[in-house]
N, C-alpha and C. Protein backbone atom coordinates (compact mmCIF):
# COMPACT_ATOMS: atom_id res chain seq x y z
N UNK A 1 2.18 25.73 23.30
CA UNK A 1 2.52 25.31 21.96
C UNK A 1 3.29 26.42 21.27
N UNK A 2 4.38 26.06 20.64
CA UNK A 2 5.22 27.03 19.95
C UNK A 2 4.66 27.34 18.56
N UNK A 3 4.98 28.52 18.07
CA UNK A 3 4.58 28.89 16.72
C UNK A 3 5.57 28.31 15.72
N UNK A 4 5.05 27.74 14.64
CA UNK A 4 5.89 27.09 13.64
C UNK A 4 5.58 27.66 12.27
N UNK A 5 6.63 27.93 11.49
CA UNK A 5 6.48 28.31 10.09
C UNK A 5 7.13 27.21 9.26
N UNK A 6 6.40 26.69 8.29
CA UNK A 6 6.91 25.65 7.41
C UNK A 6 6.69 26.11 5.98
N UNK A 7 7.75 26.08 5.18
CA UNK A 7 7.67 26.49 3.79
C UNK A 7 8.07 25.31 2.90
N UNK A 8 7.17 24.95 1.98
CA UNK A 8 7.46 23.94 0.98
C UNK A 8 6.64 24.28 -0.26
N UNK A 9 7.00 23.73 -1.42
CA UNK A 9 6.25 24.06 -2.63
C UNK A 9 4.80 23.62 -2.55
N UNK A 10 3.90 24.35 -3.21
CA UNK A 10 2.49 23.94 -3.27
C UNK A 10 2.35 22.63 -4.03
N UNK A 11 3.18 22.48 -5.06
CA UNK A 11 3.18 21.23 -5.82
C UNK A 11 4.58 21.01 -6.39
N UNK A 12 4.84 19.76 -6.77
CA UNK A 12 6.14 19.40 -7.33
C UNK A 12 5.94 18.33 -8.39
N UNK A 13 6.90 18.20 -9.29
CA UNK A 13 6.86 17.14 -10.28
C UNK A 13 7.46 15.87 -9.67
N UNK A 14 7.02 14.74 -10.14
CA UNK A 14 7.56 13.46 -9.69
C UNK A 14 9.07 13.45 -9.89
N UNK A 15 9.81 13.13 -8.84
CA UNK A 15 11.27 13.07 -8.90
C UNK A 15 11.98 14.39 -8.67
N UNK A 16 11.22 15.47 -8.55
CA UNK A 16 11.82 16.79 -8.33
C UNK A 16 12.40 16.88 -6.91
N UNK A 17 13.56 17.52 -6.79
CA UNK A 17 14.16 17.78 -5.48
C UNK A 17 13.52 19.07 -4.96
N UNK A 18 12.94 19.01 -3.77
CA UNK A 18 12.27 20.18 -3.20
C UNK A 18 12.94 20.59 -1.89
N UNK A 19 12.96 21.90 -1.66
CA UNK A 19 13.50 22.43 -0.42
C UNK A 19 12.37 22.63 0.58
N UNK A 20 12.62 22.24 1.82
CA UNK A 20 11.66 22.39 2.90
C UNK A 20 12.35 23.21 3.99
N UNK A 21 11.67 24.25 4.46
CA UNK A 21 12.24 25.14 5.48
C UNK A 21 11.29 25.20 6.68
N UNK A 22 11.86 25.13 7.87
CA UNK A 22 11.06 25.23 9.09
C UNK A 22 11.68 26.26 10.03
N UNK A 23 10.81 26.92 10.76
CA UNK A 23 11.24 27.87 11.79
C UNK A 23 10.34 27.66 13.00
N UNK A 24 10.94 27.34 14.12
CA UNK A 24 10.20 27.08 15.35
C UNK A 24 10.44 28.23 16.32
N UNK A 25 9.37 28.83 16.80
CA UNK A 25 9.48 29.90 17.78
C UNK A 25 9.64 29.26 19.17
N UNK A 26 10.88 29.28 19.67
CA UNK A 26 11.18 28.66 20.97
C UNK A 26 12.28 29.48 21.64
N UNK A 27 12.14 29.83 22.92
CA UNK A 27 13.08 30.74 23.56
C UNK A 27 14.51 30.21 23.71
N UNK A 28 14.71 28.94 23.89
CA UNK A 28 16.02 28.31 24.05
C UNK A 28 16.84 28.95 25.16
N UNK A 29 17.19 28.16 26.12
CA UNK A 29 18.05 28.60 27.22
C UNK A 29 19.15 27.56 27.36
N UNK A 30 20.39 27.99 27.31
CA UNK A 30 21.54 27.07 27.27
C UNK A 30 21.79 26.34 28.58
N UNK A 31 21.32 26.90 29.69
CA UNK A 31 21.62 26.30 30.99
C UNK A 31 22.95 26.78 31.55
N UNK A 32 23.56 27.75 30.90
CA UNK A 32 24.86 28.25 31.33
C UNK A 32 24.80 29.69 31.84
N UNK A 33 23.63 30.31 31.73
CA UNK A 33 23.49 31.70 32.21
C UNK A 33 22.92 31.69 33.62
N UNK A 34 23.09 32.81 34.31
CA UNK A 34 22.52 32.95 35.65
C UNK A 34 21.50 34.09 35.65
N UNK A 35 20.59 34.03 36.62
CA UNK A 35 19.60 35.10 36.75
C UNK A 35 20.17 36.23 37.61
N UNK A 36 19.35 37.22 37.96
CA UNK A 36 19.80 38.39 38.73
C UNK A 36 20.34 38.02 40.11
N UNK A 37 19.86 36.90 40.67
CA UNK A 37 20.31 36.45 41.99
C UNK A 37 21.50 35.50 41.90
N UNK A 38 22.00 35.26 40.69
CA UNK A 38 23.16 34.39 40.52
C UNK A 38 22.83 32.91 40.40
N UNK A 39 21.55 32.57 40.35
CA UNK A 39 21.17 31.16 40.21
C UNK A 39 21.21 30.75 38.74
N UNK A 40 21.63 29.53 38.50
CA UNK A 40 21.71 29.01 37.14
C UNK A 40 20.30 28.87 36.55
N UNK A 41 20.10 29.40 35.35
CA UNK A 41 18.81 29.26 34.66
C UNK A 41 18.82 27.88 34.00
N UNK A 42 17.80 27.04 34.28
CA UNK A 42 17.79 25.68 33.74
C UNK A 42 17.79 25.64 32.21
N UNK A 43 18.45 24.63 31.68
CA UNK A 43 18.50 24.44 30.22
C UNK A 43 17.09 24.17 29.69
N UNK A 44 16.79 24.76 28.55
CA UNK A 44 15.50 24.55 27.88
C UNK A 44 15.73 24.69 26.38
N UNK A 45 16.13 23.59 25.74
CA UNK A 45 16.42 23.63 24.31
C UNK A 45 15.62 22.56 23.57
N UNK A 46 15.49 22.73 22.28
CA UNK A 46 14.95 21.70 21.42
C UNK A 46 16.10 20.76 21.13
N UNK A 47 15.93 19.46 21.39
CA UNK A 47 17.01 18.50 21.26
C UNK A 47 16.94 17.65 20.00
N UNK A 48 15.74 17.52 19.43
CA UNK A 48 15.58 16.60 18.31
C UNK A 48 14.57 17.15 17.31
N UNK A 49 14.87 17.00 16.03
CA UNK A 49 13.94 17.37 14.96
C UNK A 49 13.91 16.22 13.97
N UNK A 50 12.71 15.91 13.46
CA UNK A 50 12.62 14.89 12.41
C UNK A 50 11.48 15.25 11.46
N UNK A 51 11.61 14.71 10.24
CA UNK A 51 10.56 14.86 9.24
C UNK A 51 10.33 13.50 8.58
N UNK A 52 9.09 13.11 8.53
CA UNK A 52 8.70 11.85 7.87
C UNK A 52 7.80 12.18 6.70
N UNK A 53 8.02 11.50 5.59
CA UNK A 53 7.26 11.67 4.36
C UNK A 53 6.49 10.37 4.15
N UNK A 54 5.20 10.43 4.38
CA UNK A 54 4.35 9.23 4.35
C UNK A 54 4.93 8.11 5.21
N UNK A 55 5.38 8.47 6.41
CA UNK A 55 5.88 7.51 7.37
C UNK A 55 7.36 7.19 7.26
N UNK A 56 8.01 7.56 6.17
CA UNK A 56 9.43 7.27 5.99
C UNK A 56 10.27 8.47 6.43
N UNK A 57 11.24 8.21 7.28
CA UNK A 57 12.12 9.27 7.76
C UNK A 57 12.95 9.82 6.61
N UNK A 58 12.83 11.13 6.35
CA UNK A 58 13.61 11.76 5.27
C UNK A 58 14.67 12.72 5.81
N UNK A 59 14.52 13.16 7.06
CA UNK A 59 15.51 14.05 7.65
C UNK A 59 15.36 14.01 9.16
N UNK A 60 16.51 14.02 9.86
CA UNK A 60 16.48 14.16 11.31
C UNK A 60 17.76 14.88 11.75
N UNK A 61 17.66 15.54 12.88
CA UNK A 61 18.81 16.25 13.43
C UNK A 61 18.75 16.20 14.95
N UNK A 62 19.89 15.96 15.55
CA UNK A 62 20.01 16.03 17.00
C UNK A 62 20.68 17.36 17.31
N UNK A 63 20.05 18.17 18.14
CA UNK A 63 20.53 19.52 18.44
C UNK A 63 21.11 19.54 19.84
N UNK A 64 22.00 20.51 20.10
CA UNK A 64 22.64 20.60 21.41
C UNK A 64 22.69 22.05 21.86
N UNK A 65 23.32 22.31 22.96
CA UNK A 65 23.32 23.60 23.63
C UNK A 65 23.59 24.81 22.73
N UNK A 66 24.51 24.76 21.77
CA UNK A 66 24.77 25.96 20.97
C UNK A 66 23.65 26.35 20.00
N UNK A 67 22.57 25.58 19.93
CA UNK A 67 21.48 25.89 18.99
C UNK A 67 20.88 27.26 19.32
N UNK A 68 20.54 28.00 18.29
CA UNK A 68 20.04 29.37 18.45
C UNK A 68 18.58 29.39 18.90
N UNK A 69 18.19 30.55 19.39
CA UNK A 69 16.79 30.81 19.68
C UNK A 69 16.03 30.72 18.36
N UNK A 70 14.81 30.23 18.38
CA UNK A 70 13.97 30.10 17.18
C UNK A 70 14.71 29.35 16.07
N UNK A 71 15.00 28.07 16.29
CA UNK A 71 15.82 27.33 15.33
C UNK A 71 15.19 27.23 13.94
N UNK A 72 16.03 27.51 12.94
CA UNK A 72 15.66 27.43 11.53
C UNK A 72 16.36 26.21 10.95
N UNK A 73 15.59 25.33 10.32
CA UNK A 73 16.15 24.12 9.73
C UNK A 73 15.64 24.03 8.29
N UNK A 74 16.57 23.83 7.36
CA UNK A 74 16.21 23.67 5.95
C UNK A 74 16.86 22.38 5.44
N UNK A 75 16.15 21.67 4.59
CA UNK A 75 16.68 20.43 4.02
C UNK A 75 15.96 20.15 2.70
N UNK A 76 16.44 19.15 1.98
CA UNK A 76 15.87 18.79 0.69
C UNK A 76 15.36 17.35 0.73
N UNK A 77 14.33 17.07 -0.07
CA UNK A 77 13.86 15.71 -0.27
C UNK A 77 13.37 15.59 -1.71
N UNK A 78 13.14 14.37 -2.13
CA UNK A 78 12.67 14.11 -3.49
C UNK A 78 11.17 13.86 -3.46
N UNK A 79 10.42 14.56 -4.33
CA UNK A 79 8.97 14.39 -4.41
C UNK A 79 8.67 13.04 -5.05
N UNK A 80 8.14 12.11 -4.27
CA UNK A 80 7.90 10.75 -4.76
C UNK A 80 6.43 10.50 -5.09
N UNK A 81 5.55 11.10 -4.31
CA UNK A 81 4.11 10.93 -4.51
C UNK A 81 3.42 11.96 -3.63
N UNK A 82 2.17 12.26 -3.96
CA UNK A 82 1.41 13.15 -3.08
C UNK A 82 1.34 12.48 -1.72
N UNK A 83 1.71 13.21 -0.69
CA UNK A 83 1.72 12.61 0.64
C UNK A 83 1.86 13.63 1.74
N UNK A 84 1.88 13.12 2.95
CA UNK A 84 1.93 13.96 4.14
C UNK A 84 3.34 13.99 4.71
N UNK A 85 3.80 15.19 4.99
CA UNK A 85 5.06 15.39 5.69
C UNK A 85 4.72 15.68 7.14
N UNK A 86 5.29 14.92 8.06
CA UNK A 86 5.06 15.12 9.49
C UNK A 86 6.36 15.59 10.12
N UNK A 87 6.32 16.75 10.72
CA UNK A 87 7.47 17.39 11.36
C UNK A 87 7.32 17.24 12.87
N UNK A 88 8.41 16.85 13.56
CA UNK A 88 8.33 16.66 15.01
C UNK A 88 9.55 17.29 15.68
N UNK A 89 9.30 18.05 16.72
CA UNK A 89 10.34 18.66 17.54
C UNK A 89 10.19 18.12 18.95
N UNK A 90 11.30 17.80 19.61
CA UNK A 90 11.29 17.35 21.00
C UNK A 90 12.36 18.12 21.75
N UNK A 91 12.07 18.44 23.01
CA UNK A 91 13.04 19.21 23.78
C UNK A 91 12.98 18.94 25.26
N UNK A 92 13.71 19.76 25.98
CA UNK A 92 13.75 19.64 27.43
C UNK A 92 12.37 19.97 28.04
N UNK A 93 12.21 19.58 29.27
CA UNK A 93 11.00 19.88 30.05
C UNK A 93 9.74 19.33 29.39
N UNK A 94 9.86 18.21 28.67
CA UNK A 94 8.70 17.57 28.07
C UNK A 94 8.18 18.24 26.81
N UNK A 95 8.94 19.16 26.24
CA UNK A 95 8.47 19.85 25.04
C UNK A 95 8.36 18.88 23.87
N UNK A 96 7.19 18.89 23.23
CA UNK A 96 6.94 18.10 22.02
C UNK A 96 5.98 18.89 21.14
N UNK A 97 6.29 18.95 19.88
CA UNK A 97 5.38 19.60 18.94
C UNK A 97 5.44 18.86 17.61
N UNK A 98 4.26 18.65 17.03
CA UNK A 98 4.15 17.96 15.75
C UNK A 98 3.27 18.79 14.84
N UNK A 99 3.70 18.93 13.59
CA UNK A 99 2.93 19.63 12.57
C UNK A 99 2.96 18.77 11.31
N UNK A 100 1.95 18.91 10.46
CA UNK A 100 1.96 18.18 9.20
C UNK A 100 1.52 19.08 8.05
N UNK A 101 2.05 18.77 6.88
CA UNK A 101 1.71 19.48 5.65
C UNK A 101 1.63 18.45 4.53
N UNK A 102 0.84 18.78 3.50
CA UNK A 102 0.71 17.90 2.34
C UNK A 102 1.57 18.42 1.20
N UNK A 103 2.30 17.52 0.57
CA UNK A 103 3.06 17.84 -0.64
C UNK A 103 2.31 17.19 -1.80
N UNK A 104 1.86 17.99 -2.73
CA UNK A 104 1.13 17.49 -3.89
C UNK A 104 2.11 17.26 -5.04
N UNK A 105 2.12 16.04 -5.55
CA UNK A 105 3.01 15.68 -6.66
C UNK A 105 2.17 15.45 -7.90
N UNK A 106 2.52 16.17 -8.98
CA UNK A 106 1.75 16.07 -10.23
C UNK A 106 2.50 15.25 -11.25
């Protein structure tokens, strides 16, 4: 399981635009480098990221080979009600990680 950092406000006002930041600790390998013996190192990247707010998709991104090690993704959403944000990452070699956080709306 990869280490994940997620930053969002502790609380927000109804209708407020909030910034959400995520950082996933993942080594990322492009599949274009070779090892010491000249063999191609297999690709190992995160290919998909999504965030759902109480089940509704609010952000998604499809990632490709140029993505950096430890991908950082930031986006905005509107605080509609106190609810759960579910973050999901999917990648090569069966990699899947899901995290959730609560956004409190006052």
